[in-house]
């Protein structure tokens, strides 16, 4: 059995950074799309396949009797690549996110840089300092 303090520092830091990036990005999506498109933003601005997958994941979690479910907005049931697709959708970018991030190509490249680091964390692979160097500037873009 491994001691709880054996988690490498880079993984601890990476998890913290990626967690903040995802939460901030999800909350930004909710805030900006609700602000610019009103209460029907979820049905009008989320691609159908993403909406369907998120709703199915939410329902499946609630159906697990042994799992305590903390209520979250359904955006928390989207996958990380889905977040990028929502942001890059032309109407969402033009009416909500372009004014915040200005350069679509740079922002989308930043999100693409986070994904492999996130996947390393999700599958318990070791991070390196180079991984953290990819993630830190993305967090700086969001906060």
C-alpha atoms as a PDB file:
ATOM      1  CA  UNK A   1       0.000   0.000   0.000  1.00  0.00           C
ATOM      2  CA  UNK A   2       1.345   3.412  -0.948  1.00  0.00           C
ATOM      3  CA  UNK A   3       1.497   6.223   1.588  1.00  0.00           C
ATOM      4  CA  UNK A   4      -0.741   9.171   0.802  1.00  0.00           C
ATOM      5  CA  UNK A   5       2.227  11.526   0.585  1.00  0.00           C
ATOM      6  CA  UNK A   6       3.741   9.652  -2.383  1.00  0.00           C
ATOM      7  CA  UNK A   7       1.856  11.665  -5.015  1.00  0.00           C
ATOM      8  CA  UNK A   8       4.541  13.510  -6.978  1.00  0.00           C
ATOM      9  CA  UNK A   9       4.586  17.268  -6.608  1.00  0.00           C
ATOM     10  CA  UNK A  10       4.124  17.842 -10.356  1.00  0.00           C
ATOM     11  CA  UNK A  11       0.957  15.723 -10.330  1.00  0.00           C
ATOM     12  CA  UNK A  12      -0.414  17.546  -7.292  1.00  0.00           C
ATOM     13  CA  UNK A  13       0.266  20.907  -8.934  1.00  0.00           C
ATOM     14  CA  UNK A  14      -1.052  19.707 -12.293  1.00  0.00           C
ATOM     15  CA  UNK A  15      -4.271  18.453 -10.758  1.00  0.00           C
ATOM     16  CA  UNK A  16      -4.785  21.767  -8.971  1.00  0.00           C
ATOM     17  CA  UNK A  17      -4.179  23.765 -12.162  1.00  0.00           C
ATOM     18  CA  UNK A  18      -6.337  21.587 -14.410  1.00  0.00           C
ATOM     19  CA  UNK A  19      -9.131  21.510 -11.830  1.00  0.00           C
ATOM     20  CA  UNK A  20      -9.193  25.312 -11.692  1.00  0.00           C
ATOM     21  CA  UNK A  21      -9.018  25.618 -15.489  1.00  0.00           C
ATOM     22  CA  UNK A  22     -11.974  23.286 -15.965  1.00  0.00           C
ATOM     23  CA  UNK A  23     -14.132  24.856 -13.290  1.00  0.00           C
ATOM     24  CA  UNK A  24     -13.404  28.402 -14.459  1.00  0.00           C
ATOM     25  CA  UNK A  25     -14.041  27.445 -18.083  1.00  0.00           C
ATOM     26  CA  UNK A  26     -17.318  25.692 -17.242  1.00  0.00           C
ATOM     27  CA  UNK A  27     -18.530  28.608 -15.130  1.00  0.00           C
ATOM     28  CA  UNK A  28     -17.482  31.059 -17.849  1.00  0.00           C
ATOM     29  CA  UNK A  29     -19.525  29.106 -20.389  1.00  0.00           C
ATOM     30  CA  UNK A  30     -22.589  29.186 -18.158  1.00  0.00           C
ATOM     31  CA  UNK A  31     -22.213  32.871 -17.285  1.00  0.00           C
ATOM     32  CA  UNK A  32     -21.413  34.178 -20.753  1.00  0.00           C
ATOM     33  CA  UNK A  33     -23.900  32.092 -22.702  1.00  0.00           C
ATOM     34  CA  UNK A  34     -26.708  32.780 -20.229  1.00  0.00           C
ATOM     35  CA  UNK A  35     -25.860  36.473 -20.327  1.00  0.00           C
ATOM     36  CA  UNK A  36     -25.757  36.722 -24.101  1.00  0.00           C
ATOM     37  CA  UNK A  37     -28.519  34.233 -24.970  1.00  0.00           C
ATOM     38  CA  UNK A  38     -30.834  34.027 -21.980  1.00  0.00           C
ATOM     39  CA  UNK A  39     -32.226  31.018 -20.135  1.00  0.00           C
ATOM     40  CA  UNK A  40     -32.525  28.862 -23.274  1.00  0.00           C
ATOM     41  CA  UNK A  41     -28.795  29.024 -23.996  1.00  0.00           C
ATOM     42  CA  UNK A  42     -28.304  25.331 -23.188  1.00  0.00           C
ATOM     43  CA  UNK A  43     -30.761  24.236 -25.880  1.00  0.00           C
ATOM     44  CA  UNK A  44     -29.767  26.906 -28.398  1.00  0.00           C
ATOM     45  CA  UNK A  45     -25.972  27.079 -28.077  1.00  0.00           C
ATOM     46  CA  UNK A  46     -24.820  23.568 -27.199  1.00  0.00           C
ATOM     47  CA  UNK A  47     -24.352  21.083 -30.056  1.00  0.00           C
ATOM     48  CA  UNK A  48     -26.954  18.322 -29.882  1.00  0.00           C
ATOM     49  CA  UNK A  49     -24.521  15.441 -29.440  1.00  0.00           C
ATOM     50  CA  UNK A  50     -22.814  17.212 -26.538  1.00  0.00           C
ATOM     51  CA  UNK A  51     -26.140  18.050 -24.905  1.00  0.00           C
ATOM     52  CA  UNK A  52     -27.323  14.447 -25.251  1.00  0.00           C
ATOM     53  CA  UNK A  53     -24.105  12.962 -23.835  1.00  0.00           C
ATOM     54  CA  UNK A  54     -24.084  15.372 -20.881  1.00  0.00           C
ATOM     55  CA  UNK A  55     -27.720  14.699 -20.019  1.00  0.00           C
ATOM     56  CA  UNK A  56     -27.139  10.925 -20.217  1.00  0.00           C
ATOM     57  CA  UNK A  57     -24.112  11.192 -17.914  1.00  0.00           C
ATOM     58  CA  UNK A  58     -26.065  13.301 -15.438  1.00  0.00           C
ATOM     59  CA  UNK A  59     -28.966  10.839 -15.397  1.00  0.00           C
ATOM     60  CA  UNK A  60     -26.643   7.859 -15.018  1.00  0.00           C
ATOM     61  CA  UNK A  61     -24.948   9.423 -12.010  1.00  0.00           C
ATOM     62  CA  UNK A  62     -28.268  10.213 -10.339  1.00  0.00           C
ATOM     63  CA  UNK A  63     -29.418   6.621 -10.928  1.00  0.00           C
ATOM     64  CA  UNK A  64     -26.527   5.179  -8.898  1.00  0.00           C
ATOM     65  CA  UNK A  65     -28.110   4.501  -5.536  1.00  0.00           C
ATOM     66  CA  UNK A  66     -24.865   4.161  -3.592  1.00  0.00           C
ATOM     67  CA  UNK A  67     -23.411   7.401  -4.929  1.00  0.00           C
ATOM     68  CA  UNK A  68     -24.224  10.676  -3.236  1.00  0.00           C
ATOM     69  CA  UNK A  69     -24.834  13.241  -5.950  1.00  0.00           C
ATOM     70  CA  UNK A  70     -24.034  16.877  -5.410  1.00  0.00           C
ATOM     71  CA  UNK A  71     -26.203  18.960  -7.743  1.00  0.00           C
ATOM     72  CA  UNK A  72     -24.222  20.484 -10.598  1.00  0.00           C
ATOM     73  CA  UNK A  73     -25.183  22.287 -13.745  1.00  0.00           C
ATOM     74  CA  UNK A  74     -25.283  19.838 -16.646  1.00  0.00           C
ATOM     75  CA  UNK A  75     -22.199  21.592 -18.122  1.00  0.00           C
ATOM     76  CA  UNK A  76     -20.216  19.619 -15.505  1.00  0.00           C
ATOM     77  CA  UNK A  77     -21.154  16.423 -17.340  1.00  0.00           C
ATOM     78  CA  UNK A  78     -19.506  17.484 -20.591  1.00  0.00           C
ATOM     79  CA  UNK A  79     -16.087  16.141 -21.528  1.00  0.00           C
ATOM     80  CA  UNK A  80     -13.094  18.455 -21.817  1.00  0.00           C
ATOM     81  CA  UNK A  81     -13.029  18.328 -25.651  1.00  0.00           C
ATOM     82  CA  UNK A  82     -16.702  19.317 -25.608  1.00  0.00           C
ATOM     83  CA  UNK A  83     -15.834  22.557 -23.826  1.00  0.00           C
ATOM     84  CA  UNK A  84     -13.531  23.508 -26.678  1.00  0.00           C
ATOM     85  CA  UNK A  85     -16.245  22.714 -29.241  1.00  0.00           C
ATOM     86  CA  UNK A  86     -18.743  24.890 -27.388  1.00  0.00           C
ATOM     87  CA  UNK A  87     -16.337  27.831 -27.233  1.00  0.00           C
ATOM     88  CA  UNK A  88     -15.199  27.522 -30.852  1.00  0.00           C
ATOM     89  CA  UNK A  89     -18.719  27.288 -32.272  1.00  0.00           C
ATOM     90  CA  UNK A  90     -18.845  30.351 -34.518  1.00  0.00           C
ATOM     91  CA  UNK A  91     -21.921  32.001 -33.000  1.00  0.00           C
ATOM     92  CA  UNK A  92     -20.676  31.402 -29.442  1.00  0.00           C
ATOM     93  CA  UNK A  93     -17.242  32.784 -30.302  1.00  0.00           C
ATOM     94  CA  UNK A  94     -18.591  35.837 -32.103  1.00  0.00           C
ATOM     95  CA  UNK A  95     -21.229  36.754 -29.524  1.00  0.00           C
ATOM     96  CA  UNK A  96     -19.633  35.701 -26.255  1.00  0.00           C
ATOM     97  CA  UNK A  97     -16.016  34.551 -26.188  1.00  0.00           C
ATOM     98  CA  UNK A  98     -14.290  36.579 -28.900  1.00  0.00           C
ATOM     99  CA  UNK A  99     -14.540  39.778 -26.881  1.00  0.00           C
ATOM    100  CA  UNK A 100     -12.942  38.043 -23.905  1.00  0.00           C
ATOM    101  CA  UNK A 101     -10.105  36.146 -25.589  1.00  0.00           C
ATOM    102  CA  UNK A 102      -9.683  38.100 -28.870  1.00  0.00           C
ATOM    103  CA  UNK A 103      -7.595  35.462 -30.725  1.00  0.00           C
ATOM    104  CA  UNK A 104      -9.579  32.313 -31.371  1.00  0.00           C
ATOM    105  CA  UNK A 105      -6.576  30.443 -32.754  1.00  0.00           C
ATOM    106  CA  UNK A 106      -4.461  31.144 -29.669  1.00  0.00           C
ATOM    107  CA  UNK A 107      -7.191  30.339 -27.181  1.00  0.00           C
ATOM    108  CA  UNK A 108      -8.127  27.071 -28.870  1.00  0.00           C
ATOM    109  CA  UNK A 109      -4.452  26.100 -29.107  1.00  0.00           C
ATOM    110  CA  UNK A 110      -4.145  26.742 -25.370  1.00  0.00           C
ATOM    111  CA  UNK A 111      -7.085  24.454 -24.624  1.00  0.00           C
ATOM    112  CA  UNK A 112      -5.584  21.822 -26.910  1.00  0.00           C
ATOM    113  CA  UNK A 113      -2.327  22.014 -24.936  1.00  0.00           C
ATOM    114  CA  UNK A 114      -4.162  21.306 -21.674  1.00  0.00           C
ATOM    115  CA  UNK A 115      -5.948  18.192 -22.894  1.00  0.00           C
ATOM    116  CA  UNK A 116      -2.975  15.776 -23.026  1.00  0.00           C
ATOM    117  CA  UNK A 117      -1.819  16.941 -19.600  1.00  0.00           C
ATOM    118  CA  UNK A 118      -5.339  16.446 -18.262  1.00  0.00           C
ATOM    119  CA  UNK A 119      -5.410  12.960 -19.765  1.00  0.00           C
ATOM    120  CA  UNK A 120      -2.068  12.069 -18.155  1.00  0.00           C
ATOM    121  CA  UNK A 121      -3.536  13.072 -14.787  1.00  0.00           C
ATOM    122  CA  UNK A 122      -6.785  11.201 -15.376  1.00  0.00           C
ATOM    123  CA  UNK A 123      -4.851   7.996 -16.105  1.00  0.00           C
ATOM    124  CA  UNK A 124      -2.383   8.402 -13.237  1.00  0.00           C
ATOM    125  CA  UNK A 125       0.677   8.985 -15.362  1.00  0.00           C
ATOM    126  CA  UNK A 126       3.494  11.147 -14.085  1.00  0.00           C
ATOM    127  CA  UNK A 127       3.614  14.790 -15.082  1.00  0.00           C
ATOM    128  CA  UNK A 128       6.775  16.679 -15.800  1.00  0.00           C
ATOM    129  CA  UNK A 129       7.734  20.291 -15.282  1.00  0.00           C
ATOM    130  CA  UNK A 130       7.291  20.720 -19.051  1.00  0.00           C
ATOM    131  CA  UNK A 131       3.651  19.646 -18.662  1.00  0.00           C
ATOM    132  CA  UNK A 132       3.136  22.288 -15.998  1.00  0.00           C
ATOM    133  CA  UNK A 133       4.723  24.898 -18.252  1.00  0.00           C
ATOM    134  CA  UNK A 134       2.007  24.154 -20.812  1.00  0.00           C
ATOM    135  CA  UNK A 135      -0.827  24.464 -18.314  1.00  0.00           C
ATOM    136  CA  UNK A 136       0.128  27.524 -16.244  1.00  0.00           C
ATOM    137  CA  UNK A 137      -0.346  30.090 -19.041  1.00  0.00           C
ATOM    138  CA  UNK A 138      -3.788  28.683 -19.831  1.00  0.00           C
ATOM    139  CA  UNK A 139      -4.898  29.312 -16.289  1.00  0.00           C
ATOM    140  CA  UNK A 140      -3.511  32.841 -16.568  1.00  0.00           C
ATOM    141  CA  UNK A 141      -5.692  33.401 -19.660  1.00  0.00           C
ATOM    142  CA  UNK A 142      -8.806  32.451 -17.713  1.00  0.00           C
ATOM    143  CA  UNK A 143      -8.317  34.276 -14.426  1.00  0.00           C
END
